[in-house]
Amino acid sequence: MDDHVRLHMDSLVHEACDLLCETAMHRCDGPTNALRVLRDDPNAEGVWLDRFVDMFLREHSLASTAGACAILEAFERRPMPSVDGGAVGESLRAASVAVFTDLVRLKAEESLERASVSEGAPA
């Protein structure tokens, strides 16, 4: 994988994380509640992680098999989250979404933890 493609994928993960955190904090009344929902049930009201990632990947033209391959290649050394079987193309798309979703969730947790600490700190 070319370094510029990997950097682009990293920036997309960070963009997705920022957007997810921003909307989840708004919908869940702050970072502490958003973090709790994200950890307890990432697809619960206010976070809807799977819907969010699906929309994000479609908006960035990564919901295709080629997009799936680009995601998987960029993060080839990451452990593979569980993916149900199916046709090769569908498995690649599902695997890429699982990897991207996992990264966005992890980065969102980190960001919300930082925001939660700031929320509780005296001004």
PDB file of N, CA and C in Angstrom:
ATOM      1  N   MET A   1       0.853  -1.179   0.000  1.00  0.00           N
ATOM      2  CA  MET A   1       0.000   0.000   0.000  1.00  0.00           C
ATOM      3  C   MET A   1       0.892   1.233   0.000  1.00  0.00           C
ATOM      4  N   ASP A   2       0.552   2.167  -0.860  1.00  0.00           N
ATOM      5  CA  ASP A   2       1.284   3.427  -0.911  1.00  0.00           C
ATOM      6  C   ASP A   2       0.997   4.230   0.354  1.00  0.00           C
ATOM      7  N   ASP A   3       2.031   4.934   0.818  1.00  0.00           N
ATOM      8  CA  ASP A   3       1.882   5.709   2.047  1.00  0.00           C
ATOM      9  C   ASP A   3       0.760   6.742   1.951  1.00  0.00           C
ATOM     10  N   HIS A   4       0.602   7.361   0.782  1.00  0.00           N
ATOM     11  CA  HIS A   4      -0.440   8.400   0.664  1.00  0.00           C
ATOM     12  C   HIS A   4      -1.844   7.808   0.805  1.00  0.00           C
ATOM     13  N   VAL A   5      -2.041   6.575   0.358  1.00  0.00           N
ATOM     14  CA  VAL A   5      -3.357   5.935   0.496  1.00  0.00           C
ATOM     15  C   VAL A   5      -3.606   5.605   1.966  1.00  0.00           C
ATOM     16  N   ARG A   6      -2.591   5.111   2.642  1.00  0.00           N
ATOM     17  CA  ARG A   6      -2.722   4.785   4.067  1.00  0.00           C
ATOM     18  C   ARG A   6      -3.022   6.058   4.872  1.00  0.00           C
ATOM     19  N   LEU A   7      -2.322   7.144   4.561  1.00  0.00           N
ATOM     20  CA  LEU A   7      -2.575   8.413   5.241  1.00  0.00           C
ATOM     21  C   LEU A   7      -3.997   8.902   4.986  1.00  0.00           C
ATOM     22  N   HIS A   8      -4.474   8.716   3.766  1.00  0.00           N
ATOM     23  CA  HIS A   8      -5.844   9.110   3.429  1.00  0.00           C
ATOM     24  C   HIS A   8      -6.847   8.298   4.253  1.00  0.00           C
ATOM     25  N   MET A   9      -6.625   6.994   4.365  1.00  0.00           N
ATOM     26  CA  MET A   9      -7.534   6.150   5.152  1.00  0.00           C
ATOM     27  C   MET A   9      -7.484   6.544   6.624  1.00  0.00           C
ATOM     28  N   ASP A  10      -6.296   6.821   7.138  1.00  0.00           N
ATOM     29  CA  ASP A  10      -6.185   7.266   8.535  1.00  0.00           C
ATOM     30  C   ASP A  10      -6.959   8.561   8.753  1.00  0.00           C
ATOM     31  N   SER A  11      -6.861   9.479   7.801  1.00  0.00           N
ATOM     32  CA  SER A  11      -7.579  10.750   7.951  1.00  0.00           C
ATOM     33  C   SER A  11      -9.092  10.534   7.874  1.00  0.00           C
ATOM     34  N   LEU A  12      -9.541   9.575   7.064  1.00  0.00           N
ATOM     35  CA  LEU A  12     -10.976   9.271   7.007  1.00  0.00           C
ATOM     36  C   LEU A  12     -11.475   8.690   8.329  1.00  0.00           C
ATOM     37  N   VAL A  13     -10.671   7.828   8.952  1.00  0.00           N
ATOM     38  CA  VAL A  13     -11.049   7.272  10.255  1.00  0.00           C
ATOM     39  C   VAL A  13     -11.182   8.410  11.269  1.00  0.00           C
ATOM     40  N   HIS A  14     -10.235   9.327  11.271  1.00  0.00           N
ATOM     41  CA  HIS A  14     -10.294  10.452  12.215  1.00  0.00           C
ATOM     42  C   HIS A  14     -11.484  11.365  11.919  1.00  0.00           C
ATOM     43  N   GLU A  15     -11.764  11.602  10.645  1.00  0.00           N
ATOM     44  CA  GLU A  15     -12.920  12.418  10.281  1.00  0.00           C
ATOM     45  C   GLU A  15     -14.210  11.757  10.756  1.00  0.00           C
ATOM     46  N   ALA A  16     -14.326  10.456  10.524  1.00  0.00           N
ATOM     47  CA  ALA A  16     -15.516   9.719  10.954  1.00  0.00           C
ATOM     48  C   ALA A  16     -15.643   9.757  12.472  1.00  0.00           C
ATOM     49  N   CYS A  17     -14.538   9.569  13.161  1.00  0.00           N
ATOM     50  CA  CYS A  17     -14.544   9.601  14.624  1.00  0.00           C
ATOM     51  C   CYS A  17     -15.020  10.954  15.132  1.00  0.00           C
ATOM     52  N   ASP A  18     -14.469  12.029  14.586  1.00  0.00           N
ATOM     53  CA  ASP A  18     -14.859  13.372  15.017  1.00  0.00           C
ATOM     54  C   ASP A  18     -16.353  13.614  14.806  1.00  0.00           C
ATOM     55  N   LEU A  19     -16.848  13.229  13.638  1.00  0.00           N
ATOM     56  CA  LEU A  19     -18.259  13.430  13.330  1.00  0.00           C
ATOM     57  C   LEU A  19     -19.148  12.581  14.232  1.00  0.00           C
ATOM     58  N   LEU A  20     -18.771  11.323  14.448  1.00  0.00           N
ATOM     59  CA  LEU A  20     -19.545  10.445  15.324  1.00  0.00           C
ATOM     60  C   LEU A  20     -19.580  11.007  16.741  1.00  0.00           C
ATOM     61  N   CYS A  21     -18.432  11.423  17.254  1.00  0.00           N
ATOM     62  CA  CYS A  21     -18.376  11.965  18.618  1.00  0.00           C
ATOM     63  C   CYS A  21     -19.221  13.222  18.751  1.00  0.00           C
ATOM     64  N   GLU A  22     -19.094  14.095  17.786  1.00  0.00           N
ATOM     65  CA  GLU A  22     -19.850  15.348  17.831  1.00  0.00           C
ATOM     66  C   GLU A  22     -21.356  15.087  17.869  1.00  0.00           C
ATOM     67  N   THR A  23     -21.827  14.232  16.975  1.00  0.00           N
ATOM     68  CA  THR A  23     -23.266  13.972  16.934  1.00  0.00           C
ATOM     69  C   THR A  23     -23.724  13.160  18.141  1.00  0.00           C
ATOM     70  N   ALA A  24     -22.919  12.199  18.582  1.00  0.00           N
ATOM     71  CA  ALA A  24     -23.306  11.385  19.739  1.00  0.00           C
ATOM     72  C   ALA A  24     -23.354  12.231  21.006  1.00  0.00           C
ATOM     73  N   MET A  25     -22.387  13.125  21.179  1.00  0.00           N
ATOM     74  CA  MET A  25     -22.410  13.993  22.364  1.00  0.00           C
ATOM     75  C   MET A  25     -23.655  14.877  22.362  1.00  0.00           C
ATOM     76  N   HIS A  26     -24.025  15.373  21.207  1.00  0.00           N
ATOM     77  CA  HIS A  26     -25.228  16.206  21.099  1.00  0.00           C
ATOM     78  C   HIS A  26     -26.480  15.388  21.400  1.00  0.00           C
ATOM     79  N   ARG A  27     -26.579  14.213  20.783  1.00  0.00           N
ATOM     80  CA  ARG A  27     -27.785  13.389  20.945  1.00  0.00           C
ATOM     81  C   ARG A  27     -27.900  12.773  22.330  1.00  0.00           C
ATOM     82  N   CYS A  28     -26.759  12.490  22.962  1.00  0.00           N
ATOM     83  CA  CYS A  28     -26.754  11.781  24.252  1.00  0.00           C
ATOM     84  C   CYS A  28     -26.508  12.720  25.434  1.00  0.00           C
ATOM     85  N   ASP A  29     -26.567  14.013  25.195  1.00  0.00           N
ATOM     86  CA  ASP A  29     -26.393  15.005  26.268  1.00  0.00           C
ATOM     87  C   ASP A  29     -25.021  14.917  26.929  1.00  0.00           C
ATOM     88  N   GLY A  30     -23.973  14.968  26.120  1.00  0.00           N
ATOM     89  CA  GLY A  30     -22.617  15.066  26.657  1.00  0.00           C
ATOM     90  C   GLY A  30     -21.759  13.842  26.400  1.00  0.00           C
ATOM     91  N   PRO A  31     -20.467  14.013  26.584  1.00  0.00           N
ATOM     92  CA  PRO A  31     -19.527  12.941  26.270  1.00  0.00           C
ATOM     93  C   PRO A  31     -19.633  11.741  27.196  1.00  0.00           C
ATOM     94  N   THR A  32     -19.951  11.951  28.458  1.00  0.00           N
ATOM     95  CA  THR A  32     -20.033  10.823  29.393  1.00  0.00           C
ATOM     96  C   THR A  32     -21.161   9.877  28.991  1.00  0.00           C
ATOM     97  N   ASN A  33     -22.335  10.433  28.692  1.00  0.00           N
ATOM     98  CA  ASN A  33     -23.463   9.597  28.261  1.00  0.00           C
ATOM     99  C   ASN A  33     -23.183   8.960  26.897  1.00  0.00           C
ATOM    100  N   ALA A  34     -22.567   9.708  25.996  1.00  0.00           N
ATOM    101  CA  ALA A  34     -22.250   9.168  24.669  1.00  0.00           C
ATOM    102  C   ALA A  34     -21.286   7.995  24.787  1.00  0.00           C
ATOM    103  N   LEU A  35     -20.292   8.127  25.648  1.00  0.00           N
ATOM    104  CA  LEU A  35     -19.328   7.039  25.854  1.00  0.00           C
ATOM    105  C   LEU A  35     -20.020   5.810  26.436  1.00  0.00           C
ATOM    106  N   ARG A  36     -20.914   6.020  27.395  1.00  0.00           N
ATOM    107  CA  ARG A  36     -21.645   4.897  27.997  1.00  0.00           C
ATOM    108  C   ARG A  36     -22.467   4.162  26.942  1.00  0.00           C
ATOM    109  N   VAL A  37     -23.187   4.918  26.107  1.00  0.00           N
ATOM    110  CA  VAL A  37     -24.013   4.298  25.064  1.00  0.00           C
ATOM    111  C   VAL A  37     -23.132   3.577  24.059  1.00  0.00           C
ATOM    112  N   LEU A  38     -22.044   4.212  23.646  1.00  0.00           N
ATOM    113  CA  LEU A  38     -21.138   3.598  22.676  1.00  0.00           C
ATOM    114  C   LEU A  38     -20.590   2.278  23.199  1.00  0.00           C
ATOM    115  N   ARG A  39     -20.239   2.240  24.469  1.00  0.00           N
ATOM    116  CA  ARG A  39     -19.689   1.007  25.055  1.00  0.00           C
ATOM    117  C   ARG A  39     -20.757  -0.044  25.316  1.00  0.00           C
ATOM    118  N   ASP A  40     -21.937   0.379  25.774  1.00  0.00           N
ATOM    119  CA  ASP A  40     -23.008  -0.572  26.114  1.00  0.00           C
ATOM    120  C   ASP A  40     -23.665  -1.168  24.878  1.00  0.00           C
ATOM    121  N   ASP A  41     -23.995  -0.328  23.927  1.00  0.00           N
ATOM    122  CA  ASP A  41     -24.658  -0.776  22.695  1.00  0.00           C
ATOM    123  C   ASP A  41     -24.397   0.253  21.605  1.00  0.00           C
ATOM    124  N   PRO A  42     -23.347   0.043  20.790  1.00  0.00           N
ATOM    125  CA  PRO A  42     -22.968   1.033  19.780  1.00  0.00           C
ATOM    126  C   PRO A  42     -24.060   1.355  18.764  1.00  0.00           C
ATOM    127  N   ASN A  43     -25.079   0.510  18.689  1.00  0.00           N
ATOM    128  CA  ASN A  43     -26.156   0.767  17.735  1.00  0.00           C
ATOM    129  C   ASN A  43     -27.428   1.280  18.414  1.00  0.00           C
ATOM    130  N   ALA A  44     -27.290   1.671  19.674  1.00  0.00           N
ATOM    131  CA  ALA A  44     -28.437   2.209  20.411  1.00  0.00           C
ATOM    132  C   ALA A  44     -28.738   3.633  19.949  1.00  0.00           C
ATOM    133  N   GLU A  45     -29.905   4.101  20.357  1.00  0.00           N
ATOM    134  CA  GLU A  45     -30.345   5.449  19.995  1.00  0.00           C
ATOM    135  C   GLU A  45     -29.304   6.482  20.420  1.00  0.00           C
ATOM    136  N   GLY A  46     -29.025   7.390  19.514  1.00  0.00           N
ATOM    137  CA  GLY A  46     -28.074   8.452  19.783  1.00  0.00           C
ATOM    138  C   GLY A  46     -26.707   8.225  19.171  1.00  0.00           C
ATOM    139  N   VAL A  47     -26.332   6.962  18.993  1.00  0.00           N
ATOM    140  CA  VAL A  47     -25.025   6.648  18.394  1.00  0.00           C
ATOM    141  C   VAL A  47     -25.220   5.992  17.034  1.00  0.00           C
ATOM    142  N   TRP A  48     -25.977   4.901  16.973  1.00  0.00           N
ATOM    143  CA  TRP A  48     -26.280   4.203  15.717  1.00  0.00           C
ATOM    144  C   TRP A  48     -25.022   3.986  14.869  1.00  0.00           C
ATOM    145  N   LEU A  49     -24.012   3.344  15.448  1.00  0.00           N
ATOM    146  CA  LEU A  49     -22.706   3.207  14.805  1.00  0.00           C
ATOM    147  C   LEU A  49     -22.773   2.548  13.431  1.00  0.00           C
ATOM    148  N   ASP A  50     -23.494   1.440  13.292  1.00  0.00           N
ATOM    149  CA  ASP A  50     -23.551   0.764  11.986  1.00  0.00           C
ATOM    150  C   ASP A  50     -24.162   1.664  10.917  1.00  0.00           C
ATOM    151  N   ARG A  51     -25.254   2.343  11.259  1.00  0.00           N
ATOM    152  CA  ARG A  51     -25.876   3.273  10.300  1.00  0.00           C
ATOM    153  C   ARG A  51     -24.928   4.412   9.950  1.00  0.00           C
ATOM    154  N   PHE A  52     -24.244   4.917  10.964  1.00  0.00           N
ATOM    155  CA  PHE A  52     -23.312   6.015  10.744  1.00  0.00           C
ATOM    156  C   PHE A  52     -22.195   5.597   9.787  1.00  0.00           C
ATOM    157  N   VAL A  53     -21.574   4.446  10.045  1.00  0.00           N
ATOM    158  CA  VAL A  53     -20.464   3.993   9.195  1.00  0.00           C
ATOM    159  C   VAL A  53     -20.958   3.714   7.783  1.00  0.00           C
ATOM    160  N   ASP A  54     -22.120   3.116   7.641  1.00  0.00           N
ATOM    161  CA  ASP A  54     -22.669   2.857   6.307  1.00  0.00           C
ATOM    162  C   ASP A  54     -22.832   4.169   5.543  1.00  0.00           C
ATOM    163  N   MET A  55     -23.407   5.168   6.187  1.00  0.00           N
ATOM    164  CA  MET A  55     -23.593   6.471   5.554  1.00  0.00           C
ATOM    165  C   MET A  55     -22.255   7.118   5.230  1.00  0.00           C
ATOM    166  N   PHE A  56     -21.325   7.060   6.158  1.00  0.00           N
ATOM    167  CA  PHE A  56     -20.020   7.686   5.964  1.00  0.00           C
ATOM    168  C   PHE A  56     -19.281   7.049   4.784  1.00  0.00           C
ATOM    169  N   LEU A  57     -19.277   5.723   4.725  1.00  0.00           N
ATOM    170  CA  LEU A  57     -18.576   5.046   3.629  1.00  0.00           C
ATOM    171  C   LEU A  57     -19.236   5.333   2.288  1.00  0.00           C
ATOM    172  N   ARG A  58     -20.554   5.410   2.262  1.00  0.00           N
ATOM    173  CA  ARG A  58     -21.246   5.764   1.010  1.00  0.00           C
ATOM    174  C   ARG A  58     -20.889   7.184   0.570  1.00  0.00           C
ATOM    175  N   GLU A  59     -20.870   8.113   1.509  1.00  0.00           N
ATOM    176  CA  GLU A  59     -20.540   9.498   1.178  1.00  0.00           C
ATOM    177  C   GLU A  59     -19.115   9.657   0.657  1.00  0.00           C
ATOM    178  N   HIS A  60     -18.233   8.750   1.064  1.00  0.00           N
ATOM    179  CA  HIS A  60     -16.833   8.823   0.642  1.00  0.00           C
ATOM    180  C   HIS A  60     -16.503   7.785  -0.440  1.00  0.00           C
ATOM    181  N   SER A  61     -17.542   7.259  -1.086  1.00  0.00           N
ATOM    182  CA  SER A  61     -17.391   6.306  -2.194  1.00  0.00           C
ATOM    183  C   SER A  61     -16.546   5.094  -1.820  1.00  0.00           C
ATOM    184  N   LEU A  62     -16.746   4.589  -0.609  1.00  0.00           N
ATOM    185  CA  LEU A  62     -16.008   3.418  -0.146  1.00  0.00           C
ATOM    186  C   LEU A  62     -16.923   2.228   0.134  1.00  0.00           C
ATOM    187  N   ALA A  63     -18.190   2.296  -0.275  1.00  0.00           N
ATOM    188  CA  ALA A  63     -19.134   1.208  -0.019  1.00  0.00           C
ATOM    189  C   ALA A  63     -19.083   0.140  -1.103  1.00  0.00           C
ATOM    190  N   SER A  64     -18.242   0.315  -2.106  1.00  0.00           N
ATOM    191  CA  SER A  64     -18.113  -0.654  -3.199  1.00  0.00           C
ATOM    192  C   SER A  64     -17.060  -1.713  -2.853  1.00  0.00           C
ATOM    193  N   THR A  65     -16.947  -2.725  -3.700  1.00  0.00           N
ATOM    194  CA  THR A  65     -15.912  -3.734  -3.502  1.00  0.00           C
ATOM    195  C   THR A  65     -14.524  -3.106  -3.574  1.00  0.00           C
ATOM    196  N   ALA A  66     -14.327  -2.176  -4.506  1.00  0.00           N
ATOM    197  CA  ALA A  66     -13.025  -1.502  -4.614  1.00  0.00           C
ATOM    198  C   ALA A  66     -12.729  -0.701  -3.335  1.00  0.00           C
ATOM    199  N   GLY A  67     -13.747  -0.031  -2.803  1.00  0.00           N
ATOM    200  CA  GLY A  67     -13.569   0.697  -1.553  1.00  0.00           C
ATOM    201  C   GLY A  67     -13.264  -0.240  -0.404  1.00  0.00           C
ATOM    202  N   ALA A  68     -13.952  -1.384  -0.395  1.00  0.00           N
ATOM    203  CA  ALA A  68     -13.707  -2.389   0.638  1.00  0.00           C
ATOM    204  C   ALA A  68     -12.262  -2.873   0.584  1.00  0.00           C
ATOM    205  N   CYS A  69     -11.778  -3.122  -0.610  1.00  0.00           N
ATOM    206  CA  CYS A  69     -10.394  -3.591  -0.775  1.00  0.00           C
ATOM    207  C   CYS A  69      -9.406  -2.522  -0.316  1.00  0.00           C
ATOM    208  N   ALA A  70      -9.699  -1.271  -0.611  1.00  0.00           N
ATOM    209  CA  ALA A  70      -8.814  -0.184  -0.197  1.00  0.00           C
ATOM    210  C   ALA A  70      -8.738  -0.108   1.329  1.00  0.00           C
ATOM    211  N   ILE A  71      -9.876  -0.246   1.995  1.00  0.00           N
ATOM    212  CA  ILE A  71      -9.903  -0.217   3.461  1.00  0.00           C
ATOM    213  C   ILE A  71      -9.117  -1.398   4.023  1.00  0.00           C
ATOM    214  N   LEU A  72      -9.391  -2.584   3.498  1.00  0.00           N
ATOM    215  CA  LEU A  72      -8.701  -3.772   4.012  1.00  0.00           C
ATOM    216  C   LEU A  72      -7.203  -3.711   3.776  1.00  0.00           C
ATOM    217  N   GLU A  73      -6.804  -3.216   2.623  1.00  0.00           N
ATOM    218  CA  GLU A  73      -5.378  -3.110   2.335  1.00  0.00           C
ATOM    219  C   GLU A  73      -4.717  -2.079   3.251  1.00  0.00           C
ATOM    220  N   ALA A  74      -5.391  -0.975   3.489  1.00  0.00           N
ATOM    221  CA  ALA A  74      -4.817   0.065   4.339  1.00  0.00           C
ATOM    222  C   ALA A  74      -4.610  -0.418   5.771  1.00  0.00           C
ATOM    223  N   PHE A  75      -5.485  -1.287   6.224  1.00  0.00           N
ATOM    224  CA  PHE A  75      -5.407  -1.753   7.612  1.00  0.00           C
ATOM    225  C   PHE A  75      -5.108  -3.250   7.681  1.00  0.00           C
ATOM    226  N   GLU A  76      -4.275  -3.727   6.778  1.00  0.00           N
ATOM    227  CA  GLU A  76      -4.011  -5.156   6.625  1.00  0.00           C
ATOM    228  C   GLU A  76      -3.434  -5.822   7.864  1.00  0.00           C
ATOM    229  N   ARG A  77      -2.803  -5.096   8.738  1.00  0.00           N
ATOM    230  CA  ARG A  77      -2.184  -5.699   9.910  1.00  0.00           C
ATOM    231  C   ARG A  77      -3.105  -5.733  11.134  1.00  0.00           C
ATOM    232  N   ARG A  78      -4.254  -5.091  11.036  1.00  0.00           N
ATOM    233  CA  ARG A  78      -5.203  -5.104  12.156  1.00  0.00           C
ATOM    234  C   ARG A  78      -5.883  -6.461  12.253  1.00  0.00           C
ATOM    235  N   PRO A  79      -6.225  -6.886  13.462  1.00  0.00           N
ATOM    236  CA  PRO A  79      -6.986  -8.140  13.581  1.00  0.00           C
ATOM    237  C   PRO A  79      -8.357  -7.992  12.922  1.00  0.00           C
ATOM    238  N   MET A  80      -8.834  -9.057  12.327  1.00  0.00           N
ATOM    239  CA  MET A  80     -10.112  -9.031  11.622  1.00  0.00           C
ATOM    240  C   MET A  80     -11.259  -9.246  12.587  1.00  0.00           C
ATOM    241  N   PRO A  81     -12.164  -8.256  12.701  1.00  0.00           N
ATOM    242  CA  PRO A  81     -13.383  -8.482  13.485  1.00  0.00           C
ATOM    243  C   PRO A  81     -14.219  -9.582  12.808  1.00  0.00           C
ATOM    244  N   SER A  82     -15.086 -10.192  13.551  1.00  0.00           N
ATOM    245  CA  SER A  82     -15.912 -11.270  13.022  1.00  0.00           C
ATOM    246  C   SER A  82     -16.776 -10.795  11.855  1.00  0.00           C
ATOM    247  N   VAL A  83     -16.791 -11.585  10.787  1.00  0.00           N
ATOM    248  CA  VAL A  83     -17.591 -11.258   9.602  1.00  0.00           C
ATOM    249  C   VAL A  83     -18.325 -12.526   9.171  1.00  0.00           C
ATOM    250  N   ASP A  84     -19.638 -12.386   8.903  1.00  0.00           N
ATOM    251  CA  ASP A  84     -20.410 -13.529   8.425  1.00  0.00           C
ATOM    252  C   ASP A  84     -19.983 -13.907   7.015  1.00  0.00           C
ATOM    253  N   GLY A  85     -20.177 -15.183   6.667  1.00  0.00           N
ATOM    254  CA  GLY A  85     -19.820 -15.667   5.342  1.00  0.00           C
ATOM    255  C   GLY A  85     -20.731 -15.109   4.266  1.00  0.00           C
ATOM    256  N   GLY A  86     -20.397 -15.386   3.032  1.00  0.00           N
ATOM    257  CA  GLY A  86     -21.166 -14.905   1.893  1.00  0.00           C
ATOM    258  C   GLY A  86     -20.279 -14.901   0.674  1.00  0.00           C
ATOM    259  N   ALA A  87     -20.746 -14.285  -0.391  1.00  0.00           N
ATOM    260  CA  ALA A  87     -19.952 -14.167  -1.610  1.00  0.00           C
ATOM    261  C   ALA A  87     -18.677 -13.391  -1.302  1.00  0.00           C
ATOM    262  N   VAL A  88     -17.641 -13.626  -2.100  1.00  0.00           N
ATOM    263  CA  VAL A  88     -16.352 -12.991  -1.865  1.00  0.00           C
ATOM    264  C   VAL A  88     -16.487 -11.468  -1.820  1.00  0.00           C
ATOM    265  N   GLY A  89     -17.174 -10.892  -2.799  1.00  0.00           N
ATOM    266  CA  GLY A  89     -17.336  -9.438  -2.824  1.00  0.00           C
ATOM    267  C   GLY A  89     -18.060  -8.931  -1.596  1.00  0.00           C
ATOM    268  N   GLU A  90     -19.128  -9.629  -1.220  1.00  0.00           N
ATOM    269  CA  GLU A  90     -19.887  -9.220  -0.038  1.00  0.00           C
ATOM    270  C   GLU A  90     -19.054  -9.408   1.228  1.00  0.00           C
ATOM    271  N   SER A  91     -18.291 -10.488   1.294  1.00  0.00           N
ATOM    272  CA  SER A  91     -17.422 -10.708   2.455  1.00  0.00           C
ATOM    273  C   SER A  91     -16.378  -9.608   2.567  1.00  0.00           C
ATOM    274  N   LEU A  92     -15.818  -9.191   1.428  1.00  0.00           N
ATOM    275  CA  LEU A  92     -14.841  -8.098   1.445  1.00  0.00           C
ATOM    276  C   LEU A  92     -15.484  -6.803   1.917  1.00  0.00           C
ATOM    277  N   ARG A  93     -16.669  -6.501   1.392  1.00  0.00           N
ATOM    278  CA  ARG A  93     -17.360  -5.285   1.821  1.00  0.00           C
ATOM    279  C   ARG A  93     -17.682  -5.355   3.315  1.00  0.00           C
ATOM    280  N   ALA A  94     -18.195  -6.490   3.768  1.00  0.00           N
ATOM    281  CA  ALA A  94     -18.541  -6.643   5.181  1.00  0.00           C
ATOM    282  C   ALA A  94     -17.296  -6.546   6.066  1.00  0.00           C
ATOM    283  N   ALA A  95     -16.202  -7.159   5.615  1.00  0.00           N
ATOM    284  CA  ALA A  95     -14.956  -7.108   6.384  1.00  0.00           C
ATOM    285  C   ALA A  95     -14.433  -5.679   6.462  1.00  0.00           C
ATOM    286  N   SER A  96     -14.497  -4.955   5.356  1.00  0.00           N
ATOM    287  CA  SER A  96     -13.991  -3.585   5.366  1.00  0.00           C
ATOM    288  C   SER A  96     -14.833  -2.716   6.296  1.00  0.00           C
ATOM    289  N   VAL A  97     -16.132  -2.904   6.274  1.00  0.00           N
ATOM    290  CA  VAL A  97     -17.018  -2.135   7.151  1.00  0.00           C
ATOM    291  C   VAL A  97     -16.738  -2.488   8.607  1.00  0.00           C
ATOM    292  N   ALA A  98     -16.523  -3.772   8.903  1.00  0.00           N
ATOM    293  CA  ALA A  98     -16.232  -4.197  10.274  1.00  0.00           C
ATOM    294  C   ALA A  98     -14.933  -3.576  10.773  1.00  0.00           C
ATOM    295  N   VAL A  99     -13.904  -3.577   9.944  1.00  0.00           N
ATOM    296  CA  VAL A  99     -12.612  -2.992  10.331  1.00  0.00           C
ATOM    297  C   VAL A  99     -12.764  -1.488  10.547  1.00  0.00           C
ATOM    298  N   PHE A 100     -13.406  -0.801   9.598  1.00  0.00           N
ATOM    299  CA  PHE A 100     -13.574   0.646   9.696  1.00  0.00           C
ATOM    300  C   PHE A 100     -14.425   1.000  10.910  1.00  0.00           C
ATOM    301  N   THR A 101     -15.508   0.258  11.128  1.00  0.00           N
ATOM    302  CA  THR A 101     -16.392   0.488  12.271  1.00  0.00           C
ATOM    303  C   THR A 101     -15.637   0.326  13.580  1.00  0.00           C
ATOM    304  N   ASP A 102     -14.828  -0.727  13.670  1.00  0.00           N
ATOM    305  CA  ASP A 102     -14.058  -0.980  14.879  1.00  0.00           C
ATOM    306  C   ASP A 102     -13.094   0.170  15.157  1.00  0.00           C
ATOM    307  N   LEU A 103     -12.417   0.644  14.128  1.00  0.00           N
ATOM    308  CA  LEU A 103     -11.482   1.757  14.303  1.00  0.00           C
ATOM    309  C   LEU A 103     -12.200   3.036  14.717  1.00  0.00           C
ATOM    310  N   VAL A 104     -13.332   3.337  14.086  1.00  0.00           N
ATOM    311  CA  VAL A 104     -14.087   4.539  14.438  1.00  0.00           C
ATOM    312  C   VAL A 104     -14.570   4.441  15.884  1.00  0.00           C
ATOM    313  N   ARG A 105     -15.058   3.266  16.292  1.00  0.00           N
ATOM    314  CA  ARG A 105     -15.526   3.079  17.672  1.00  0.00           C
ATOM    315  C   ARG A 105     -14.395   3.303  18.661  1.00  0.00           C
ATOM    316  N   LEU A 106     -13.226   2.703  18.394  1.00  0.00           N
ATOM    317  CA  LEU A 106     -12.084   2.859  19.301  1.00  0.00           C
ATOM    318  C   LEU A 106     -11.652   4.320  19.406  1.00  0.00           C
ATOM    319  N   LYS A 107     -11.547   4.984  18.267  1.00  0.00           N
ATOM    320  CA  LYS A 107     -11.133   6.390  18.267  1.00  0.00           C
ATOM    321  C   LYS A 107     -12.187   7.265  18.939  1.00  0.00           C
ATOM    322  N   ALA A 108     -13.469   6.945  18.736  1.00  0.00           N
ATOM    323  CA  ALA A 108     -14.543   7.711  19.372  1.00  0.00           C
ATOM    324  C   ALA A 108     -14.501   7.536  20.889  1.00  0.00           C
ATOM    325  N   GLU A 109     -14.246   6.324  21.356  1.00  0.00           N
ATOM    326  CA  GLU A 109     -14.126   6.105  22.799  1.00  0.00           C
ATOM    327  C   GLU A 109     -12.995   6.948  23.370  1.00  0.00           C
ATOM    328  N   GLU A 110     -11.849   6.951  22.692  1.00  0.00           N
ATOM    329  CA  GLU A 110     -10.712   7.750  23.160  1.00  0.00           C
ATOM    330  C   GLU A 110     -11.084   9.236  23.218  1.00  0.00           C
ATOM    331  N   SER A 111     -11.715   9.715  22.175  1.00  0.00           N
ATOM    332  CA  SER A 111     -12.087  11.122  22.108  1.00  0.00           C
ATOM    333  C   SER A 111     -13.120  11.478  23.171  1.00  0.00           C
ATOM    334  N   LEU A 112     -14.116  10.609  23.350  1.00  0.00           N
ATOM    335  CA  LEU A 112     -15.152  10.874  24.351  1.00  0.00           C
ATOM    336  C   LEU A 112     -14.589  10.785  25.770  1.00  0.00           C
ATOM    337  N   GLU A 113     -13.602   9.909  25.993  1.00  0.00           N
ATOM    338  CA  GLU A 113     -12.954   9.854  27.305  1.00  0.00           C
ATOM    339  C   GLU A 113     -12.259  11.181  27.600  1.00  0.00           C
ATOM    340  N   ARG A 114     -11.549  11.718  26.602  1.00  0.00           N
ATOM    341  CA  ARG A 114     -10.881  13.007  26.784  1.00  0.00           C
ATOM    342  C   ARG A 114     -11.915  14.113  27.062  1.00  0.00           C
ATOM    343  N   ALA A 115     -13.011  14.097  26.299  1.00  0.00           N
ATOM    344  CA  ALA A 115     -14.052  15.114  26.478  1.00  0.00           C
ATOM    345  C   ALA A 115     -14.724  14.961  27.839  1.00  0.00           C
ATOM    346  N   SER A 116     -14.911  13.738  28.314  1.00  0.00           N
ATOM    347  CA  SER A 116     -15.528  13.496  29.619  1.00  0.00           C
ATOM    348  C   SER A 116     -14.665  14.062  30.736  1.00  0.00           C
ATOM    349  N   VAL A 117     -13.356  13.903  30.601  1.00  0.00           N
ATOM    350  CA  VAL A 117     -12.447  14.441  31.611  1.00  0.00           C
ATOM    351  C   VAL A 117     -12.548  15.959  31.617  1.00  0.00           C
ATOM    352  N   SER A 118     -12.595  16.549  30.428  1.00  0.00           N
ATOM    353  CA  SER A 118     -12.711  18.012  30.335  1.00  0.00           C
ATOM    354  C   SER A 118     -14.048  18.498  30.871  1.00  0.00           C
ATOM    355  N   GLU A 119     -15.102  17.726  30.659  1.00  0.00           N
ATOM    356  CA  GLU A 119     -16.440  18.101  31.109  1.00  0.00           C
ATOM    357  C   GLU A 119     -16.485  18.207  32.631  1.00  0.00           C
ATOM    358  N   GLY A 120     -15.786  17.315  33.308  1.00  0.00           N
ATOM    359  CA  GLY A 120     -15.809  17.294  34.765  1.00  0.00           C
ATOM    360  C   GLY A 120     -14.813  18.248  35.391  1.00  0.00           C
ATOM    361  N   ALA A 121     -13.889  18.790  34.602  1.00  0.00           N
ATOM    362  CA  ALA A 121     -12.865  19.689  35.143  1.00  0.00           C
ATOM    363  C   ALA A 121     -13.444  21.068  35.394  1.00  0.00           C
ATOM    364  N   PRO A 122     -13.023  21.695  36.456  1.00  0.00           N
ATOM    365  CA  PRO A 122     -13.493  23.060  36.729  1.00  0.00           C
ATOM    366  C   PRO A 122     -12.964  24.028  35.675  1.00  0.00           C
ATOM    367  N   ALA A 123     -13.782  25.007  35.317  1.00  0.00           N
ATOM    368  CA  ALA A 123     -13.397  25.969  34.276  1.00  0.00           C
ATOM    369  C   ALA A 123     -12.434  26.999  34.782  1.00  0.00           C
TER     370      ALA A 123
END
